[in-house]
Amino acid sequence: MIIKGNKTDLNELSVIIINGVNKALRKLAESSAANNESLIIGDKDGNVKSVPAKELLKSLSK
């Protein structure tokens, strides 16, 4: 797939993709919280841990 356009078009595409990923993560956290489940998360240092979805949902931006 070849994307033609300028930097502005690519920046707008990046924003759309990031917003979509954030929306999907929120939906995952909400459905997991409704089922009292935990999610596995990783930090910037590569450490992983299990976090209750309800706690994770509190920290996500709306």
PDB file of N, CA and C in Angstrom:
ATOM      1  N   MET A   1       0.845  -1.172   0.000  1.00  0.00           N
ATOM      2  CA  MET A   1       0.000   0.000   0.000  1.00  0.00           C
ATOM      3  C   MET A   1       0.892   1.237   0.000  1.00  0.00           C
ATOM      4  N   ILE A   2       0.672   2.121  -0.908  1.00  0.00           N
ATOM      5  CA  ILE A   2       1.447   3.349  -1.007  1.00  0.00           C
ATOM      6  C   ILE A   2       0.561   4.516  -0.594  1.00  0.00           C
ATOM      7  N   ILE A   3       1.061   5.300   0.362  1.00  0.00           N
ATOM      8  CA  ILE A   3       0.318   6.469   0.815  1.00  0.00           C
ATOM      9  C   ILE A   3       0.938   7.692   0.157  1.00  0.00           C
ATOM     10  N   LYS A   4       0.132   8.379  -0.609  1.00  0.00           N
ATOM     11  CA  LYS A   4       0.607   9.604  -1.249  1.00  0.00           C
ATOM     12  C   LYS A   4       0.059  10.782  -0.476  1.00  0.00           C
ATOM     13  N   GLY A   5       0.844  11.793  -0.329  1.00  0.00           N
ATOM     14  CA  GLY A   5       0.390  12.979   0.370  1.00  0.00           C
ATOM     15  C   GLY A   5       1.543  13.651   1.070  1.00  0.00           C
ATOM     16  N   ASN A   6       1.203  14.681   1.791  1.00  0.00           N
ATOM     17  CA  ASN A   6       2.243  15.427   2.487  1.00  0.00           C
ATOM     18  C   ASN A   6       2.293  15.024   3.954  1.00  0.00           C
ATOM     19  N   LYS A   7       3.149  15.681   4.731  1.00  0.00           N
ATOM     20  CA  LYS A   7       3.301  15.362   6.139  1.00  0.00           C
ATOM     21  C   LYS A   7       2.014  15.600   6.913  1.00  0.00           C
ATOM     22  N   THR A   8       1.265  16.609   6.538  1.00  0.00           N
ATOM     23  CA  THR A   8       0.016  16.901   7.237  1.00  0.00           C
ATOM     24  C   THR A   8      -0.941  15.725   7.115  1.00  0.00           C
ATOM     25  N   ASP A   9      -1.040  15.136   5.941  1.00  0.00           N
ATOM     26  CA  ASP A   9      -1.912  13.982   5.747  1.00  0.00           C
ATOM     27  C   ASP A   9      -1.472  12.815   6.620  1.00  0.00           C
ATOM     28  N   LEU A  10      -0.169  12.587   6.699  1.00  0.00           N
ATOM     29  CA  LEU A  10       0.345  11.493   7.516  1.00  0.00           C
ATOM     30  C   LEU A  10       0.143  11.774   8.996  1.00  0.00           C
ATOM     31  N   ASN A  11       0.285  13.016   9.419  1.00  0.00           N
ATOM     32  CA  ASN A  11       0.045  13.377  10.816  1.00  0.00           C
ATOM     33  C   ASN A  11      -1.416  13.160  11.174  1.00  0.00           C
ATOM     34  N   GLU A  12      -2.323  13.540  10.270  1.00  0.00           N
ATOM     35  CA  GLU A  12      -3.750  13.335  10.514  1.00  0.00           C
ATOM     36  C   GLU A  12      -4.063  11.848  10.595  1.00  0.00           C
ATOM     37  N   LEU A  13      -3.457  11.050   9.744  1.00  0.00           N
ATOM     38  CA  LEU A  13      -3.649   9.610   9.771  1.00  0.00           C
ATOM     39  C   LEU A  13      -3.145   9.040  11.087  1.00  0.00           C
ATOM     40  N   SER A  14      -2.004   9.518  11.554  1.00  0.00           N
ATOM     41  CA  SER A  14      -1.452   9.060  12.827  1.00  0.00           C
ATOM     42  C   SER A  14      -2.409   9.353  13.978  1.00  0.00           C
ATOM     43  N   VAL A  15      -2.995  10.528  13.981  1.00  0.00           N
ATOM     44  CA  VAL A  15      -3.939  10.908  15.033  1.00  0.00           C
ATOM     45  C   VAL A  15      -5.165   9.997  14.995  1.00  0.00           C
ATOM     46  N   ILE A  16      -5.664   9.726  13.814  1.00  0.00           N
ATOM     47  CA  ILE A  16      -6.832   8.847  13.662  1.00  0.00           C
ATOM     48  C   ILE A  16      -6.513   7.448  14.184  1.00  0.00           C
ATOM     49  N   ILE A  17      -5.339   6.931  13.861  1.00  0.00           N
ATOM     50  CA  ILE A  17      -4.948   5.591  14.305  1.00  0.00           C
ATOM     51  C   ILE A  17      -4.798   5.557  15.821  1.00  0.00           C
ATOM     52  N   ILE A  18      -4.130   6.539  16.389  1.00  0.00           N
ATOM     53  CA  ILE A  18      -3.940   6.587  17.838  1.00  0.00           C
ATOM     54  C   ILE A  18      -5.280   6.681  18.553  1.00  0.00           C
ATOM     55  N   ASN A  19      -6.187   7.495  18.045  1.00  0.00           N
ATOM     56  CA  ASN A  19      -7.512   7.607  18.658  1.00  0.00           C
ATOM     57  C   ASN A  19      -8.259   6.280  18.593  1.00  0.00           C
ATOM     58  N   GLY A  20      -8.141   5.577  17.488  1.00  0.00           N
ATOM     59  CA  GLY A  20      -8.786   4.275  17.354  1.00  0.00           C
ATOM     60  C   GLY A  20      -8.222   3.241  18.320  1.00  0.00           C
ATOM     61  N   VAL A  21      -6.913   3.227  18.486  1.00  0.00           N
ATOM     62  CA  VAL A  21      -6.283   2.301  19.426  1.00  0.00           C
ATOM     63  C   VAL A  21      -6.719   2.623  20.853  1.00  0.00           C
ATOM     64  N   ASN A  22      -6.746   3.893  21.203  1.00  0.00           N
ATOM     65  CA  ASN A  22      -7.187   4.293  22.545  1.00  0.00           C
ATOM     66  C   ASN A  22      -8.635   3.874  22.803  1.00  0.00           C
ATOM     67  N   LYS A  23      -9.473   4.032  21.809  1.00  0.00           N
ATOM     68  CA  LYS A  23     -10.884   3.637  21.934  1.00  0.00           C
ATOM     69  C   LYS A  23     -10.991   2.123  22.142  1.00  0.00           C
ATOM     70  N   ALA A  24     -10.211   1.352  21.401  1.00  0.00           N
ATOM     71  CA  ALA A  24     -10.222  -0.104  21.532  1.00  0.00           C
ATOM     72  C   ALA A  24      -9.708  -0.538  22.907  1.00  0.00           C
ATOM     73  N   LEU A  25      -8.665   0.118  23.408  1.00  0.00           N
ATOM     74  CA  LEU A  25      -8.139  -0.210  24.734  1.00  0.00           C
ATOM     75  C   LEU A  25      -9.151   0.089  25.825  1.00  0.00           C
ATOM     76  N   ARG A  26      -9.854   1.212  25.693  1.00  0.00           N
ATOM     77  CA  ARG A  26     -10.884   1.562  26.667  1.00  0.00           C
ATOM     78  C   ARG A  26     -11.992   0.507  26.656  1.00  0.00           C
ATOM     79  N   LYS A  27     -12.415   0.094  25.459  1.00  0.00           N
ATOM     80  CA  LYS A  27     -13.468  -0.915  25.338  1.00  0.00           C
ATOM     81  C   LYS A  27     -13.024  -2.236  25.970  1.00  0.00           C
ATOM     82  N   LEU A  28     -11.783  -2.627  25.750  1.00  0.00           N
ATOM     83  CA  LEU A  28     -11.229  -3.843  26.354  1.00  0.00           C
ATOM     84  C   LEU A  28     -11.234  -3.732  27.875  1.00  0.00           C
ATOM     85  N   ALA A  29     -10.779  -2.601  28.408  1.00  0.00           N
ATOM     86  CA  ALA A  29     -10.730  -2.410  29.856  1.00  0.00           C
ATOM     87  C   ALA A  29     -12.135  -2.406  30.449  1.00  0.00           C
ATOM     88  N   GLU A  30     -13.094  -1.780  29.765  1.00  0.00           N
ATOM     89  CA  GLU A  30     -14.467  -1.738  30.264  1.00  0.00           C
ATOM     90  C   GLU A  30     -15.084  -3.134  30.309  1.00  0.00           C
ATOM     91  N   SER A  31     -14.896  -3.907  29.247  1.00  0.00           N
ATOM     92  CA  SER A  31     -15.484  -5.251  29.238  1.00  0.00           C
ATOM     93  C   SER A  31     -14.788  -6.156  30.255  1.00  0.00           C
ATOM     94  N   SER A  32     -13.504  -6.000  30.429  1.00  0.00           N
ATOM     95  CA  SER A  32     -12.778  -6.789  31.426  1.00  0.00           C
ATOM     96  C   SER A  32     -13.186  -6.400  32.839  1.00  0.00           C
ATOM     97  N   ALA A  33     -13.378  -5.111  33.079  1.00  0.00           N
ATOM     98  CA  ALA A  33     -13.804  -4.639  34.396  1.00  0.00           C
ATOM     99  C   ALA A  33     -15.200  -5.159  34.725  1.00  0.00           C
ATOM    100  N   ALA A  34     -16.067  -5.212  33.734  1.00  0.00           N
ATOM    101  CA  ALA A  34     -17.423  -5.715  33.953  1.00  0.00           C
ATOM    102  C   ALA A  34     -17.411  -7.184  34.359  1.00  0.00           C
ATOM    103  N   ASN A  35     -16.372  -7.907  33.961  1.00  0.00           N
ATOM    104  CA  ASN A  35     -16.250  -9.330  34.296  1.00  0.00           C
ATOM    105  C   ASN A  35     -15.269  -9.585  35.442  1.00  0.00           C
ATOM    106  N   ASN A  36     -14.878  -8.525  36.151  1.00  0.00           N
ATOM    107  CA  ASN A  36     -13.922  -8.620  37.265  1.00  0.00           C
ATOM    108  C   ASN A  36     -12.639  -9.349  36.869  1.00  0.00           C
ATOM    109  N   GLU A  37     -12.102  -9.006  35.710  1.00  0.00           N
ATOM    110  CA  GLU A  37     -10.883  -9.625  35.210  1.00  0.00           C
ATOM    111  C   GLU A  37      -9.697  -8.690  35.393  1.00  0.00           C
ATOM    112  N   SER A  38      -8.522  -9.240  35.212  1.00  0.00           N
ATOM    113  CA  SER A  38      -7.283  -8.464  35.239  1.00  0.00           C
ATOM    114  C   SER A  38      -6.701  -8.430  33.835  1.00  0.00           C
ATOM    115  N   LEU A  39      -5.896  -7.423  33.579  1.00  0.00           N
ATOM    116  CA  LEU A  39      -5.199  -7.303  32.303  1.00  0.00           C
ATOM    117  C   LEU A  39      -3.699  -7.266  32.565  1.00  0.00           C
ATOM    118  N   ILE A  40      -2.942  -7.761  31.622  1.00  0.00           N
ATOM    119  CA  ILE A  40      -1.485  -7.738  31.717  1.00  0.00           C
ATOM    120  C   ILE A  40      -1.001  -6.489  31.000  1.00  0.00           C
ATOM    121  N   ILE A  41      -0.214  -5.677  31.696  1.00  0.00           N
ATOM    122  CA  ILE A  41       0.296  -4.441  31.101  1.00  0.00           C
ATOM    123  C   ILE A  41       1.817  -4.433  31.189  1.00  0.00           C
ATOM    124  N   GLY A  42       2.429  -3.629  30.354  1.00  0.00           N
ATOM    125  CA  GLY A  42       3.877  -3.453  30.367  1.00  0.00           C
ATOM    126  C   GLY A  42       4.213  -1.983  30.503  1.00  0.00           C
ATOM    127  N   ASP A  43       5.324  -1.686  31.156  1.00  0.00           N
ATOM    128  CA  ASP A  43       5.752  -0.297  31.278  1.00  0.00           C
ATOM    129  C   ASP A  43       6.859   0.000  30.274  1.00  0.00           C
ATOM    130  N   LYS A  44       7.346   1.217  30.297  1.00  0.00           N
ATOM    131  CA  LYS A  44       8.348   1.637  29.316  1.00  0.00           C
ATOM    132  C   LYS A  44       9.682   0.914  29.481  1.00  0.00           C
ATOM    133  N   ASP A  45       9.896   0.290  30.661  1.00  0.00           N
ATOM    134  CA  ASP A  45      11.135  -0.430  30.914  1.00  0.00           C
ATOM    135  C   ASP A  45      11.039  -1.906  30.551  1.00  0.00           C
ATOM    136  N   GLY A  46       9.850  -2.331  30.085  1.00  0.00           N
ATOM    137  CA  GLY A  46       9.670  -3.713  29.680  1.00  0.00           C
ATOM    138  C   GLY A  46       9.187  -4.640  30.784  1.00  0.00           C
ATOM    139  N   ASN A  47       8.877  -4.080  31.940  1.00  0.00           N
ATOM    140  CA  ASN A  47       8.343  -4.888  33.033  1.00  0.00           C
ATOM    141  C   ASN A  47       6.862  -5.139  32.799  1.00  0.00           C
ATOM    142  N   VAL A  48       6.398  -6.330  33.143  1.00  0.00           N
ATOM    143  CA  VAL A  48       4.991  -6.668  32.970  1.00  0.00           C
ATOM    144  C   VAL A  48       4.370  -6.994  34.319  1.00  0.00           C
ATOM    145  N   LYS A  49       3.068  -6.695  34.433  1.00  0.00           N
ATOM    146  CA  LYS A  49       2.358  -7.038  35.665  1.00  0.00           C
ATOM    147  C   LYS A  49       0.874  -7.174  35.362  1.00  0.00           C
ATOM    148  N   SER A  50       0.200  -7.863  36.249  1.00  0.00           N
ATOM    149  CA  SER A  50      -1.241  -8.053  36.147  1.00  0.00           C
ATOM    150  C   SER A  50      -1.920  -6.967  36.975  1.00  0.00           C
ATOM    151  N   VAL A  51      -2.898  -6.289  36.379  1.00  0.00           N
ATOM    152  CA  VAL A  51      -3.598  -5.194  37.039  1.00  0.00           C
ATOM    153  C   VAL A  51      -5.094  -5.437  36.905  1.00  0.00           C
ATOM    154  N   PRO A  52      -5.837  -5.287  38.008  1.00  0.00           N
ATOM    155  CA  PRO A  52      -7.289  -5.403  37.873  1.00  0.00           C
ATOM    156  C   PRO A  52      -7.805  -4.377  36.854  1.00  0.00           C
ATOM    157  N   ALA A  53      -8.690  -4.815  35.984  1.00  0.00           N
ATOM    158  CA  ALA A  53      -9.182  -3.929  34.914  1.00  0.00           C
ATOM    159  C   ALA A  53      -9.870  -2.694  35.483  1.00  0.00           C
ATOM    160  N   LYS A  54     -10.520  -2.829  36.634  1.00  0.00           N
ATOM    161  CA  LYS A  54     -11.192  -1.679  37.252  1.00  0.00           C
ATOM    162  C   LYS A  54     -10.179  -0.595  37.619  1.00  0.00           C
ATOM    163  N   GLU A  55      -9.013  -1.011  38.114  1.00  0.00           N
ATOM    164  CA  GLU A  55      -7.975  -0.044  38.462  1.00  0.00           C
ATOM    165  C   GLU A  55      -7.379   0.588  37.219  1.00  0.00           C
ATOM    166  N   LEU A  56      -7.172  -0.209  36.198  1.00  0.00           N
ATOM    167  CA  LEU A  56      -6.619   0.303  34.951  1.00  0.00           C
ATOM    168  C   LEU A  56      -7.573   1.285  34.300  1.00  0.00           C
ATOM    169  N   LEU A  57      -8.850   0.990  34.366  1.00  0.00           N
ATOM    170  CA  LEU A  57      -9.869   1.858  33.762  1.00  0.00           C
ATOM    171  C   LEU A  57      -9.858   3.244  34.410  1.00  0.00           C
ATOM    172  N   LYS A  58      -9.579   3.315  35.687  1.00  0.00           N
ATOM    173  CA  LYS A  58      -9.516   4.593  36.395  1.00  0.00           C
ATOM    174  C   LYS A  58      -8.387   5.471  35.850  1.00  0.00           C
ATOM    175  N   SER A  59      -7.308   4.842  35.371  1.00  0.00           N
ATOM    176  CA  SER A  59      -6.141   5.608  34.934  1.00  0.00           C
ATOM    177  C   SER A  59      -6.190   5.985  33.450  1.00  0.00           C
ATOM    178  N   LEU A  60      -7.128   5.393  32.693  1.00  0.00           N
ATOM    179  CA  LEU A  60      -7.212   5.705  31.255  1.00  0.00           C
ATOM    180  C   LEU A  60      -7.879   7.045  31.036  1.00  0.00           C
ATOM    181  N   SER A  61      -7.385   7.801  30.065  1.00  0.00           N
ATOM    182  CA  SER A  61      -8.013   9.076  29.730  1.00  0.00           C
ATOM    183  C   SER A  61      -9.290   8.823  28.954  1.00  0.00           C
ATOM    184  N   LYS A  62     -10.222   9.739  29.077  1.00  0.00           N
ATOM    185  CA  LYS A  62     -11.508   9.580  28.382  1.00  0.00           C
ATOM    186  C   LYS A  62     -11.465  10.119  27.006  1.00  0.00           C
TER     187      LYS A  62
END
